[in-house]
C-alpha atoms as a PDB file:
ATOM      1  CA  MET A   1      -0.042   0.023  -0.018  1.00  0.00           C
ATOM      2  CA  LEU A   2       1.754   3.150  -1.248  1.00  0.00           C
ATOM      3  CA  SER A   3       1.268   6.733   0.654  1.00  0.00           C
ATOM      4  CA  ILE A   4       2.018  10.097   0.160  1.00  0.00           C
ATOM      5  CA  GLY A   5       3.926  12.002   2.656  1.00  0.00           C
ATOM      6  CA  ILE A   6       4.439  15.726   2.601  1.00  0.00           C
ATOM      7  CA  ASP A   7       6.965  17.606   4.772  1.00  0.00           C
ATOM      8  CA  ILE A   8       6.196  21.096   5.218  1.00  0.00           C
ATOM      9  CA  GLY A   9       9.324  23.145   6.565  1.00  0.00           C
ATOM     10  CA  GLY A  10      10.223  26.460   7.244  1.00  0.00           C
ATOM     11  CA  THR A  11      12.059  26.613   3.569  1.00  0.00           C
ATOM     12  CA  LYS A  12      10.628  24.191   1.420  1.00  0.00           C
ATOM     13  CA  VAL A  13       7.391  21.604   0.912  1.00  0.00           C
ATOM     14  CA  ALA A  14       8.818  18.169   0.222  1.00  0.00           C
ATOM     15  CA  ALA A  15       6.790  15.187  -0.801  1.00  0.00           C
ATOM     16  CA  GLY A  16       7.083  11.725  -1.832  1.00  0.00           C
ATOM     17  CA  VAL A  17       5.386   8.555  -2.942  1.00  0.00           C
ATOM     18  CA  VAL A  18       6.784   6.095   0.029  1.00  0.00           C
ATOM     19  CA  ASP A  19       6.025   2.307   0.189  1.00  0.00           C
ATOM     20  CA  GLU A  20       5.400  -0.115   3.327  1.00  0.00           C
ATOM     21  CA  GLN A  21       9.404  -0.272   4.064  1.00  0.00           C
ATOM     22  CA  GLY A  22       9.992   3.243   3.888  1.00  0.00           C
ATOM     23  CA  LEU A  23      11.176   3.581   0.270  1.00  0.00           C
ATOM     24  CA  VAL A  24      10.731   7.031  -1.389  1.00  0.00           C
ATOM     25  CA  LEU A  25       9.405   5.901  -5.044  1.00  0.00           C
ATOM     26  CA  GLU A  26       9.379   9.458  -6.336  1.00  0.00           C
ATOM     27  CA  ARG A  27      10.199  12.909  -4.854  1.00  0.00           C
ATOM     28  CA  ARG A  28       8.787  16.650  -5.350  1.00  0.00           C
ATOM     29  CA  GLN A  29       9.732  19.719  -3.702  1.00  0.00           C
ATOM     30  CA  LEU A  30       8.666  23.647  -3.700  1.00  0.00           C
ATOM     31  CA  PRO A  31       9.840  26.406  -1.711  1.00  0.00           C
ATOM     32  CA  THR A  32       7.506  27.367   1.230  1.00  0.00           C
ATOM     33  CA  PRO A  33       5.140  29.818   0.655  1.00  0.00           C
ATOM     34  CA  SER A  34       5.306  30.915   4.172  1.00  0.00           C
ATOM     35  CA  HIS A  35       3.400  34.114   4.669  1.00  0.00           C
ATOM     36  CA  SER A  36      -0.088  32.570   3.144  1.00  0.00           C
ATOM     37  CA  PRO A  37      -2.079  29.343   4.529  1.00  0.00           C
ATOM     38  CA  GLN A  38      -3.879  29.329   1.381  1.00  0.00           C
ATOM     39  CA  ALA A  39      -0.654  29.492  -0.906  1.00  0.00           C
ATOM     40  CA  VAL A  40       0.741  26.619   1.371  1.00  0.00           C
ATOM     41  CA  GLU A  41      -2.555  24.378   0.994  1.00  0.00           C
ATOM     42  CA  GLU A  42      -2.542  25.121  -3.104  1.00  0.00           C
ATOM     43  CA  ALA A  43       1.029  23.856  -2.940  1.00  0.00           C
ATOM     44  CA  ILE A  44       0.038  20.838  -0.948  1.00  0.00           C
ATOM     45  CA  VAL A  45      -2.971  19.898  -3.196  1.00  0.00           C
ATOM     46  CA  GLY A  46      -0.975  20.308  -6.397  1.00  0.00           C
ATOM     47  CA  LEU A  47       1.795  17.862  -5.185  1.00  0.00           C
ATOM     48  CA  VAL A  48      -0.812  15.217  -3.937  1.00  0.00           C
ATOM     49  CA  ALA A  49      -2.482  15.824  -7.644  1.00  0.00           C
ATOM     50  CA  GLN A  50       0.935  15.275  -9.509  1.00  0.00           C
ATOM     51  CA  LEU A  51       1.767  12.146  -7.254  1.00  0.00           C
ATOM     52  CA  GLY A  52      -1.552  10.730  -7.547  1.00  0.00           C
ATOM     53  CA  ALA A  53      -1.479  10.859 -11.341  1.00  0.00           C
ATOM     54  CA  ARG A  54       1.526   8.863 -11.354  1.00  0.00           C
ATOM     55  CA  HIS A  55       1.141   6.341  -8.329  1.00  0.00           C
ATOM     56  CA  ARG A  56      -1.877   4.344  -6.998  1.00  0.00           C
ATOM     57  CA  VAL A  57      -1.870   5.658  -3.703  1.00  0.00           C
ATOM     58  CA  ALA A  58      -4.332   5.059  -0.584  1.00  0.00           C
ATOM     59  CA  SER A  59      -3.531   7.861   2.001  1.00  0.00           C
ATOM     60  CA  VAL A  60      -1.911  11.405   2.243  1.00  0.00           C
ATOM     61  CA  GLY A  61       0.265  12.057   5.722  1.00  0.00           C
ATOM     62  CA  ILE A  62       1.185  15.880   6.125  1.00  0.00           C
ATOM     63  CA  GLY A  63       4.050  16.728   8.590  1.00  0.00           C
ATOM     64  CA  ALA A  64       3.442  20.387   9.145  1.00  0.00           C
ATOM     65  CA  ALA A  65       5.921  22.590  11.165  1.00  0.00           C
ATOM     66  CA  GLY A  66       4.038  23.852  13.850  1.00  0.00           C
ATOM     67  CA  TRP A  67       1.862  22.647  16.954  1.00  0.00           C
ATOM     68  CA  VAL A  68      -0.698  20.381  16.073  1.00  0.00           C
ATOM     69  CA  ASP A  69      -3.719  19.144  18.293  1.00  0.00           C
ATOM     70  CA  ASN A  70      -4.201  15.830  19.200  1.00  0.00           C
ATOM     71  CA  GLU A  71      -6.833  15.168  16.902  1.00  0.00           C
ATOM     72  CA  GLN A  72      -4.379  15.741  14.173  1.00  0.00           C
ATOM     73  CA  ALA A  73      -6.559  18.179  12.441  1.00  0.00           C
ATOM     74  CA  VAL A  74      -5.860  21.679  13.659  1.00  0.00           C
ATOM     75  CA  VAL A  75      -2.281  23.498  13.607  1.00  0.00           C
ATOM     76  CA  ARG A  76      -2.472  25.444  16.521  1.00  0.00           C
ATOM     77  CA  PHE A  77       0.609  27.893  15.971  1.00  0.00           C
ATOM     78  CA  SER A  78       3.491  27.986  13.889  1.00  0.00           C
ATOM     79  CA  PRO A  79       6.625  30.155  14.610  1.00  0.00           C
ATOM     80  CA  HIS A  80       8.028  30.112  11.152  1.00  0.00           C
ATOM     81  CA  LEU A  81       4.913  29.875   8.987  1.00  0.00           C
ATOM     82  CA  ALA A  82       1.540  32.014   9.193  1.00  0.00           C
ATOM     83  CA  TRP A  83      -0.628  29.314  10.616  1.00  0.00           C
ATOM     84  CA  ARG A  84      -2.955  30.158  13.642  1.00  0.00           C
ATOM     85  CA  SER A  85      -5.550  27.904  14.582  1.00  0.00           C
ATOM     86  CA  GLU A  86      -5.576  26.636  11.108  1.00  0.00           C
ATOM     87  CA  PRO A  87      -8.190  23.663  10.345  1.00  0.00           C
ATOM     88  CA  LEU A  88      -5.630  22.392   7.868  1.00  0.00           C
ATOM     89  CA  LYS A  89      -7.102  18.856   7.526  1.00  0.00           C
ATOM     90  CA  ALA A  90     -10.579  20.281   6.988  1.00  0.00           C
ATOM     91  CA  ARG A  91      -9.547  22.450   4.256  1.00  0.00           C
ATOM     92  CA  LEU A  92      -7.510  19.795   2.635  1.00  0.00           C
ATOM     93  CA  SER A  93     -10.089  16.994   3.076  1.00  0.00           C
ATOM     94  CA  GLU A  94     -12.412  19.278   0.987  1.00  0.00           C
ATOM     95  CA  ARG A  95      -9.849  19.039  -1.859  1.00  0.00           C
ATOM     96  CA  ILE A  96      -7.984  15.610  -1.549  1.00  0.00           C
ATOM     97  CA  ALA A  97      -9.934  12.805  -1.902  1.00  0.00           C
ATOM     98  CA  LEU A  98      -8.024  10.479   0.004  1.00  0.00           C
ATOM     99  CA  PRO A  99      -8.013   9.769   3.811  1.00  0.00           C
ATOM    100  CA  LEU A 100      -5.664  12.133   5.521  1.00  0.00           C
ATOM    101  CA  ILE A 101      -3.903  12.999   8.642  1.00  0.00           C
ATOM    102  CA  VAL A 102      -1.883  16.205   9.840  1.00  0.00           C
ATOM    103  CA  ASP A 103       0.953  15.804  12.109  1.00  0.00           C
ATOM    104  CA  ASN A 104       3.978  17.397  13.504  1.00  0.00           C
ATOM    105  CA  ASP A 105       6.761  17.468  11.041  1.00  0.00           C
ATOM    106  CA  ALA A 106       9.153  16.571  13.578  1.00  0.00           C
ATOM    107  CA  ASN A 107       6.991  13.739  15.152  1.00  0.00           C
ATOM    108  CA  ALA A 108       6.844  12.431  11.421  1.00  0.00           C
ATOM    109  CA  ALA A 109      10.484  12.594  11.154  1.00  0.00           C
ATOM    110  CA  ALA A 110      10.985  10.882  14.715  1.00  0.00           C
ATOM    111  CA  TRP A 111       8.551   8.163  13.514  1.00  0.00           C
ATOM    112  CA  ALA A 112      10.500   7.450  10.201  1.00  0.00           C
ATOM    113  CA  GLU A 113      13.589   6.912  11.998  1.00  0.00           C
ATOM    114  CA  TYR A 114      12.158   4.833  14.685  1.00  0.00           C
ATOM    115  CA  ARG A 115      10.365   2.428  12.088  1.00  0.00           C
ATOM    116  CA  PHE A 116      13.059   2.363   9.591  1.00  0.00           C
ATOM    117  CA  GLY A 117      16.075   4.325  10.480  1.00  0.00           C
ATOM    118  CA  ALA A 118      18.689   5.233  13.085  1.00  0.00           C
ATOM    119  CA  GLY A 119      16.217   4.734  16.274  1.00  0.00           C
ATOM    120  CA  ARG A 120      15.051   1.285  15.438  1.00  0.00           C
ATOM    121  CA  GLY A 121      13.989  -0.864  18.123  1.00  0.00           C
ATOM    122  CA  ALA A 122      15.246   1.570  21.006  1.00  0.00           C
ATOM    123  CA  SER A 123      13.065   1.531  24.218  1.00  0.00           C
ATOM    124  CA  VAL A 124      13.222   5.340  24.464  1.00  0.00           C
ATOM    125  CA  MET A 125      14.127   7.317  21.315  1.00  0.00           C
ATOM    126  CA  VAL A 126      14.700  11.232  21.185  1.00  0.00           C
ATOM    127  CA  CYS A 127      14.714  12.753  17.505  1.00  0.00           C
ATOM    128  CA  ILE A 128      15.931  16.102  16.934  1.00  0.00           C
ATOM    129  CA  THR A 129      15.654  17.982  13.796  1.00  0.00           C
ATOM    130  CA  LEU A 130      17.742  20.921  12.972  1.00  0.00           C
ATOM    131  CA  GLY A 131      16.481  22.873   9.996  1.00  0.00           C
ATOM    132  CA  THR A 132      14.947  26.564  10.230  1.00  0.00           C
ATOM    133  CA  GLY A 133      14.492  25.985  14.016  1.00  0.00           C
ATOM    134  CA  ILE A 134      14.878  22.951  16.092  1.00  0.00           C
ATOM    135  CA  GLY A 135      11.777  20.264  16.195  1.00  0.00           C
ATOM    136  CA  GLY A 136      11.320  17.347  18.028  1.00  0.00           C
ATOM    137  CA  GLY A 137      10.139  14.154  18.743  1.00  0.00           C
ATOM    138  CA  LEU A 138       9.943  11.216  20.881  1.00  0.00           C
ATOM    139  CA  VAL A 139       9.136   7.197  20.762  1.00  0.00           C
ATOM    140  CA  ILE A 140       8.376   5.401  24.000  1.00  0.00           C
ATOM    141  CA  ASN A 141       8.177   1.827  23.993  1.00  0.00           C
ATOM    142  CA  ARG A 142       7.031   1.490  20.329  1.00  0.00           C
ATOM    143  CA  GLN A 143       4.915   4.520  20.478  1.00  0.00           C
ATOM    144  CA  LEU A 144       4.987   8.136  19.320  1.00  0.00           C
ATOM    145  CA  PHE A 145       4.497  10.304  22.665  1.00  0.00           C
ATOM    146  CA  ARG A 146       2.438  13.760  21.662  1.00  0.00           C
ATOM    147  CA  GLY A 147       1.464  14.646  25.086  1.00  0.00           C
ATOM    148  CA  THR A 148      -1.927  15.649  26.001  1.00  0.00           C
ATOM    149  CA  TYR A 149      -2.646  18.465  23.741  1.00  0.00           C
ATOM    150  CA  GLY A 150      -0.463  17.102  20.965  1.00  0.00           C
ATOM    151  CA  MET A 151       2.333  19.766  21.668  1.00  0.00           C
ATOM    152  CA  ALA A 152       4.957  17.369  23.204  1.00  0.00           C
ATOM    153  CA  GLY A 153       8.660  17.604  21.783  1.00  0.00           C
ATOM    154  CA  GLU A 154       8.672  21.330  21.350  1.00  0.00           C
ATOM    155  CA  TRP A 155      11.977  21.611  23.092  1.00  0.00           C
ATOM    156  CA  GLY A 156      13.546  23.836  20.663  1.00  0.00           C
ATOM    157  CA  HIS A 157      11.699  26.401  22.516  1.00  0.00           C
ATOM    158  CA  MET A 158      12.922  25.682  25.777  1.00  0.00           C
ATOM    159  CA  ILE A 159      14.676  28.780  27.207  1.00  0.00           C
ATOM    160  CA  THR A 160      18.449  28.077  27.096  1.00  0.00           C
ATOM    161  CA  VAL A 161      19.593  31.967  27.503  1.00  0.00           C
ATOM    162  CA  PRO A 162      17.330  34.172  29.862  1.00  0.00           C
ATOM    163  CA  GLU A 163      16.882  37.351  27.576  1.00  0.00           C
ATOM    164  CA  GLY A 164      18.865  35.951  24.895  1.00  0.00           C
ATOM    165  CA  HIS A 165      18.236  36.371  21.014  1.00  0.00           C
ATOM    166  CA  TRP A 166      14.702  37.064  20.162  1.00  0.00           C
ATOM    167  CA  CYS A 167      12.626  33.810  18.862  1.00  0.00           C
ATOM    168  CA  GLU A 168       9.791  33.712  16.381  1.00  0.00           C
ATOM    169  CA  CYS A 169       7.725  32.053  18.908  1.00  0.00           C
ATOM    170  CA  GLY A 170       7.636  35.487  20.736  1.00  0.00           C
ATOM    171  CA  ASN A 171      10.059  34.413  23.601  1.00  0.00           C
ATOM    172  CA  ARG A 172      13.848  35.114  24.256  1.00  0.00           C
ATOM    173  CA  GLY A 173      16.633  32.873  24.416  1.00  0.00           C
ATOM    174  CA  CYS A 174      15.173  29.548  22.973  1.00  0.00           C
ATOM    175  CA  TRP A 175      17.421  26.628  22.389  1.00  0.00           C
ATOM    176  CA  GLU A 176      16.916  26.865  18.671  1.00  0.00           C
ATOM    177  CA  GLN A 177      18.470  30.479  18.138  1.00  0.00           C
ATOM    178  CA  TYR A 178      21.775  28.931  19.205  1.00  0.00           C
ATOM    179  CA  ALA A 179      21.566  25.338  17.484  1.00  0.00           C
ATOM    180  CA  SER A 180      19.911  25.720  14.356  1.00  0.00           C
ATOM    181  CA  GLY A 181      20.204  26.548  10.791  1.00  0.00           C
ATOM    182  CA  ASN A 182      18.938  29.972  11.637  1.00  0.00           C
ATOM    183  CA  ALA A 183      21.759  30.379  14.121  1.00  0.00           C
ATOM    184  CA  LEU A 184      24.533  29.526  11.952  1.00  0.00           C
ATOM    185  CA  VAL A 185      23.494  31.654   9.347  1.00  0.00           C
ATOM    186  CA  ARG A 186      22.818  34.557  11.677  1.00  0.00           C
ATOM    187  CA  ASP A 187      26.557  34.034  13.294  1.00  0.00           C
ATOM    188  CA  ALA A 188      27.784  33.370   9.668  1.00  0.00           C
ATOM    189  CA  ARG A 189      26.578  36.613   8.222  1.00  0.00           C
ATOM    190  CA  ALA A 190      27.346  38.795  11.760  1.00  0.00           C
ATOM    191  CA  LEU A 191      31.323  37.569  10.720  1.00  0.00           C
ATOM    192  CA  ALA A 192      31.305  38.404   7.267  1.00  0.00           C
ATOM    193  CA  ARG A 193      29.712  41.942   8.142  1.00  0.00           C
ATOM    194  CA  THR A 194      32.969  42.871  10.174  1.00  0.00           C
ATOM    195  CA  LYS A 195      35.026  42.636   7.050  1.00  0.00           C
ATOM    196  CA  SER A 196      37.831  41.213   9.183  1.00  0.00           C
ATOM    197  CA  PRO A 197      40.589  39.212   7.517  1.00  0.00           C
ATOM    198  CA  ALA A 198      39.620  35.968   9.436  1.00  0.00           C
ATOM    199  CA  ALA A 199      36.281  36.314   7.465  1.00  0.00           C
ATOM    200  CA  HIS A 200      37.733  36.437   4.105  1.00  0.00           C
ATOM    201  CA  GLY A 201      36.483  32.691   3.313  1.00  0.00           C
ATOM    202  CA  LEU A 202      33.152  33.597   4.302  1.00  0.00           C
ATOM    203  CA  LEU A 203      32.814  36.592   2.006  1.00  0.00           C
ATOM    204  CA  GLU A 204      34.197  34.688  -1.076  1.00  0.00           C
ATOM    205  CA  ILE A 205      31.325  31.797  -0.540  1.00  0.00           C
ATOM    206  CA  CYS A 206      28.834  34.746  -0.829  1.00  0.00           C
ATOM    207  CA  GLY A 207      30.427  37.211  -3.349  1.00  0.00           C
ATOM    208  CA  GLY A 208      30.971  39.598  -0.996  1.00  0.00           C
ATOM    209  CA  ASP A 209      27.530  40.120   0.497  1.00  0.00           C
ATOM    210  CA  PRO A 210      26.988  38.919   3.572  1.00  0.00           C
ATOM    211  CA  ASP A 211      23.269  38.692   3.283  1.00  0.00           C
ATOM    212  CA  ARG A 212      23.491  35.885   0.422  1.00  0.00           C
ATOM    213  CA  ILE A 213      25.203  33.541   3.318  1.00  0.00           C
ATOM    214  CA  THR A 214      23.093  30.347   3.632  1.00  0.00           C
ATOM    215  CA  GLY A 215      23.257  27.388   5.590  1.00  0.00           C
ATOM    216  CA  PRO A 216      24.126  25.300   3.199  1.00  0.00           C
ATOM    217  CA  ASP A 217      27.086  27.348   2.078  1.00  0.00           C
ATOM    218  CA  VAL A 218      28.507  27.475   5.502  1.00  0.00           C
ATOM    219  CA  THR A 219      28.386  23.722   5.791  1.00  0.00           C
ATOM    220  CA  ALA A 220      29.790  23.159   2.154  1.00  0.00           C
ATOM    221  CA  ALA A 221      32.873  25.659   3.209  1.00  0.00           C
ATOM    222  CA  ALA A 222      33.416  23.642   6.460  1.00  0.00           C
ATOM    223  CA  ILE A 223      33.346  20.229   4.818  1.00  0.00           C
ATOM    224  CA  ALA A 224      35.753  21.854   2.313  1.00  0.00           C
ATOM    225  CA  GLY A 225      38.360  22.923   5.466  1.00  0.00           C
ATOM    226  CA  GLU A 226      37.346  26.772   5.646  1.00  0.00           C
ATOM    227  CA  PRO A 227      38.181  27.497   9.252  1.00  0.00           C
ATOM    228  CA  ASN A 228      35.705  30.008  10.179  1.00  0.00           C
ATOM    229  CA  SER A 229      32.966  27.753   8.832  1.00  0.00           C
ATOM    230  CA  ILE A 230      34.294  24.873  10.792  1.00  0.00           C
ATOM    231  CA  GLU A 231      34.322  27.040  14.023  1.00  0.00           C
ATOM    232  CA  LEU A 232      30.842  28.175  13.437  1.00  0.00           C
ATOM    233  CA  LEU A 233      29.574  24.574  13.110  1.00  0.00           C
ATOM    234  CA  ALA A 234      31.330  23.726  16.228  1.00  0.00           C
ATOM    235  CA  ASP A 235      29.639  26.469  18.242  1.00  0.00           C
ATOM    236  CA  VAL A 236      25.918  25.153  16.816  1.00  0.00           C
ATOM    237  CA  GLY A 237      27.329  21.622  17.896  1.00  0.00           C
ATOM    238  CA  THR A 238      28.230  23.184  21.381  1.00  0.00           C
ATOM    239  CA  TRP A 239      25.010  24.507  22.235  1.00  0.00           C
ATOM    240  CA  LEU A 240      23.106  21.170  20.791  1.00  0.00           C
ATOM    241  CA  GLY A 241      25.228  18.888  22.896  1.00  0.00           C
ATOM    242  CA  ARG A 242      24.101  21.257  26.175  1.00  0.00           C
ATOM    243  CA  GLY A 243      20.574  20.817  25.182  1.00  0.00           C
ATOM    244  CA  ILE A 244      20.622  17.074  24.825  1.00  0.00           C
ATOM    245  CA  ALA A 245      22.284  16.866  28.135  1.00  0.00           C
ATOM    246  CA  ASP A 246      19.242  18.654  29.656  1.00  0.00           C
ATOM    247  CA  LEU A 247      17.044  16.282  27.727  1.00  0.00           C
ATOM    248  CA  ALA A 248      18.746  13.256  28.738  1.00  0.00           C
ATOM    249  CA  ALA A 249      18.371  14.745  32.331  1.00  0.00           C
ATOM    250  CA  ALA A 250      14.524  14.492  31.880  1.00  0.00           C
ATOM    251  CA  LEU A 251      14.001  11.835  29.596  1.00  0.00           C
ATOM    252  CA  ASP A 252      16.876   9.155  29.869  1.00  0.00           C
ATOM    253  CA  PRO A 253      16.898   7.909  26.284  1.00  0.00           C
ATOM    254  CA  GLU A 254      18.394   5.194  24.840  1.00  0.00           C
ATOM    255  CA  VAL A 255      19.368   7.166  21.590  1.00  0.00           C
ATOM    256  CA  VAL A 256      19.377  10.522  20.177  1.00  0.00           C
ATOM    257  CA  VAL A 257      19.039  10.894  16.633  1.00  0.00           C
ATOM    258  CA  ILE A 258      19.887  14.099  14.836  1.00  0.00           C
ATOM    259  CA  GLY A 259      18.342  15.040  11.806  1.00  0.00           C
ATOM    260  CA  GLY A 260      17.508  18.067   9.503  1.00  0.00           C
ATOM    261  CA  GLY A 261      19.333  19.953   6.930  1.00  0.00           C
ATOM    262  CA  VAL A 262      22.091  20.985   9.525  1.00  0.00           C
ATOM    263  CA  SER A 263      22.692  17.682  10.385  1.00  0.00           C
ATOM    264  CA  ALA A 264      24.532  17.327   6.764  1.00  0.00           C
ATOM    265  CA  ALA A 265      27.625  18.654   8.263  1.00  0.00           C
ATOM    266  CA  GLY A 266      28.125  14.940   9.800  1.00  0.00           C
ATOM    267  CA  ASP A 267      31.138  14.759  12.293  1.00  0.00           C
ATOM    268  CA  LEU A 268      31.685  18.517  12.054  1.00  0.00           C
ATOM    269  CA  LEU A 269      28.574  18.909  14.197  1.00  0.00           C
ATOM    270  CA  LEU A 270      28.224  15.674  15.909  1.00  0.00           C
ATOM    271  CA  GLN A 271      31.836  15.604  17.545  1.00  0.00           C
ATOM    272  CA  PRO A 272      31.311  19.180  19.438  1.00  0.00           C
ATOM    273  CA  ALA A 273      27.800  17.881  20.288  1.00  0.00           C
ATOM    274  CA  GLN A 274      29.085  14.908  21.636  1.00  0.00           C
ATOM    275  CA  ARG A 275      32.059  16.529  23.673  1.00  0.00           C
ATOM    276  CA  ALA A 276      29.234  19.215  25.021  1.00  0.00           C
ATOM    277  CA  PHE A 277      26.824  16.355  25.936  1.00  0.00           C
ATOM    278  CA  SER A 278      29.418  14.206  28.106  1.00  0.00           C
ATOM    279  CA  ARG A 279      30.922  17.372  29.804  1.00  0.00           C
ATOM    280  CA  THR A 280      27.293  18.597  30.634  1.00  0.00           C
ATOM    281  CA  LEU A 281      25.366  15.672  31.463  1.00  0.00           C
ATOM    282  CA  THR A 282      23.875  15.102  34.890  1.00  0.00           C
ATOM    283  CA  GLY A 283      25.589  12.193  36.549  1.00  0.00           C
ATOM    284  CA  ARG A 284      28.356  12.054  33.939  1.00  0.00           C
ATOM    285  CA  GLY A 285      30.578   9.171  35.133  1.00  0.00           C
ATOM    286  CA  PHE A 286      28.001   7.050  36.946  1.00  0.00           C
ATOM    287  CA  ARG A 287      25.619   6.656  34.482  1.00  0.00           C
ATOM    288  CA  GLU A 288      25.228   5.312  30.782  1.00  0.00           C
ATOM    289  CA  GLU A 289      25.372   7.677  28.150  1.00  0.00           C
ATOM    290  CA  ALA A 290      22.657   7.649  25.272  1.00  0.00           C
ATOM    291  CA  ARG A 291      24.000   7.155  22.081  1.00  0.00           C
ATOM    292  CA  LEU A 292      24.279  10.241  19.770  1.00  0.00           C
ATOM    293  CA  VAL A 293      23.807   9.433  16.368  1.00  0.00           C
ATOM    294  CA  LEU A 294      22.894  11.271  12.878  1.00  0.00           C
ATOM    295  CA  ALA A 295      19.781  10.541  11.170  1.00  0.00           C
ATOM    296  CA  HIS A 296      19.395   7.743   8.491  1.00  0.00           C
ATOM    297  CA  PHE A 297      17.150   9.541   6.358  1.00  0.00           C
ATOM    298  CA  ARG A 298      18.319  12.964   7.001  1.00  0.00           C
ATOM    299  CA  ASN A 299      15.793  15.173   4.899  1.00  0.00           C
ATOM    300  CA  ASP A 300      13.667  12.386   3.690  1.00  0.00           C
ATOM    301  CA  ALA A 301      12.445  11.528   7.238  1.00  0.00           C
ATOM    302  CA  GLY A 302       9.740  13.798   7.726  1.00  0.00           C
ATOM    303  CA  LEU A 303       7.783  12.671   4.329  1.00  0.00           C
ATOM    304  CA  ILE A 304       8.537   8.832   5.132  1.00  0.00           C
ATOM    305  CA  GLY A 305       6.974   9.250   8.588  1.00  0.00           C
ATOM    306  CA  ALA A 306       4.126  11.242   7.448  1.00  0.00           C
ATOM    307  CA  ALA A 307       3.304   8.702   4.663  1.00  0.00           C
ATOM    308  CA  ASP A 308       3.702   6.086   7.375  1.00  0.00           C
ATOM    309  CA  LEU A 309       1.498   7.546   9.927  1.00  0.00           C
ATOM    310  CA  ALA A 310      -1.082   7.868   7.216  1.00  0.00           C
ATOM    311  CA  ARG A 311      -0.627   4.343   6.375  1.00  0.00           C
ATOM    312  CA  HIS A 312      -1.129   3.338  10.028  1.00  0.00           C
ATOM    313  CA  ALA A 313      -4.178   5.429  10.667  1.00  0.00           C
ATOM    314  CA  MET A 314      -5.828   3.560   8.057  1.00  0.00           C
ATOM    315  CA  ILE A 315      -5.118   0.385   9.747  1.00  0.00           C
ATOM    316  CA  GLU A 316      -5.875   1.812  13.111  1.00  0.00           C
ATOM    317  CA  PRO A 317      -7.822   4.738  13.379  1.00  0.00           C
ATOM    318  CA  PRO A 318      -7.241   7.366  15.949  1.00  0.00           C
ATOM    319  CA  ASP A 319     -10.784   6.958  17.470  1.00  0.00           C
ATOM    320  CA  SER A 320     -10.532   3.284  17.439  1.00  0.00           C
ATOM    321  CA  ALA A 321     -11.423   1.851  20.574  1.00  0.00           C
ATOM    322  CA  GLY A 322      -8.387  -0.228  21.021  1.00  0.00           C
ATOM    323  CA  VAL A 323      -5.016   0.362  22.088  1.00  0.00           C
ATOM    324  CA  GLY A 324      -1.717   0.274  20.177  1.00  0.00           C
ATOM    325  CA  PHE A 325      -0.239   2.476  17.780  1.00  0.00           C
ATOM    326  CA  TRP A 326      -2.274   5.710  19.152  1.00  0.00           C
ATOM    327  CA  PRO A 327      -1.216   6.569  22.593  1.00  0.00           C
ATOM    328  CA  ARG A 328      -3.895   8.625  23.922  1.00  0.00           C
ATOM    329  CA  ARG A 329      -6.698   5.797  23.418  1.00  0.00           C
ATOM    330  CA  LYS A 330      -7.958   3.865  26.458  1.00  0.00           C
ATOM    331  CA  ARG A 331      -8.890   0.101  26.340  1.00  0.00           C
ATOM    332  CA  ARG A 332     -12.307  -1.459  27.140  1.00  0.00           C
ATOM    333  CA  PRO A 333     -12.112  -3.468  30.106  1.00  0.00           C
ATOM    334  CA  ARG A 334     -12.484  -6.991  28.484  1.00  0.00           C
ATOM    335  CA  VAL A 335     -15.069  -9.526  30.396  1.00  0.00           C
ATOM    336  CA  GLY A 336     -13.404 -12.977  30.948  1.00  0.00           C
ATOM    337  CA  HIS A 337     -14.913 -16.212  29.650  1.00  0.00           C
ATOM    338  CA  ARG A 338     -15.722 -17.143  32.811  1.00  0.00           C
ATOM    339  CA  ARG A 339     -17.449 -14.008  33.944  1.00  0.00           C
ATOM    340  CA  ARG A 340     -19.334 -14.028  30.890  1.00  0.00           C
ATOM    341  CA  GLU A 341     -20.813 -17.511  31.658  1.00  0.00           C
ATOM    342  CA  ARG A 342     -21.848 -16.027  35.142  1.00  0.00           C
ATOM    343  CA  ILE A 343     -23.748 -13.203  33.810  1.00  0.00           C
ATOM    344  CA  ARG A 344     -25.491 -15.492  31.213  1.00  0.00           C
ATOM    345  CA  ALA A 345     -26.287 -17.909  34.359  1.00  0.00           C
ATOM    346  CA  VAL A 346     -27.934 -14.654  36.252  1.00  0.00           C
ATOM    347  CA  ARG A 347     -29.746 -13.508  33.480  1.00  0.00           C
ATOM    348  CA  ALA A 348     -31.412 -17.009  32.679  1.00  0.00           C
END
């Protein structure tokens, strides 16, 4: 059974047709029209139409960069997009004639890594997606944990530096302002604007215009050996490791999977993160450390996970009375065989 997964991030809308083993059969991508909910909706509908015309698909999963309610229908808020209590599922269901679910994009990425990737089989898996901001997902004992209201895993907005940099969420000093693609670009541009001889390499990659520097530019320069780019990525990695140590104090995970666009830097990001994590972990030296690993699927994780979530929702709908994939449901008490016989005897 094929499913379409769509990953809506701060900079791009990625879509793909995904099979039951997590294999992406075809991909499409568009820039995110971030200032218009209607334009995002049009992009989604267009991508589904294009892919649906080429493949026999059974469902559609949307991974949205925002806080999605536990009914998987409404995007309550998005720091990087124009959604405010947006009934995304209802709007799309009017135009897409397939079963459809909406979930947080980082939840979708976490599910992909747990089901098919770097976190497969872990008892407690934390997933961190480093893109425009920081997204998060948590899988505990084979279940994706969404919290009471669907807002769990938004640790990119934990306050790391009181009165620090302003964040798109409206607070100051959020973790993602120091360990994300936006943080990397902001600091690279600031260094390039100094016109210091030390910033010569950064100025070269942007043609002398600091405002043209992008995260992939800095990553590519670091991989090529440019010293300032390496240092900038190490700074992001250090902030990342400190934040993961805080998460470990609260969640005690077996593995932490690090994905998103910034993870393309590989060991240039992971090694500083590992050092900072080991140095600041509560109880260090007297406990096992969670493994820090790079995501297997990188930028495809969100769409793979969204597709698989949609597939599972068809098999086991969210409002089903059973217990299993959807953690918020409660099992109805089962009446034992002998008790049923006693009840029948009394009624007789």
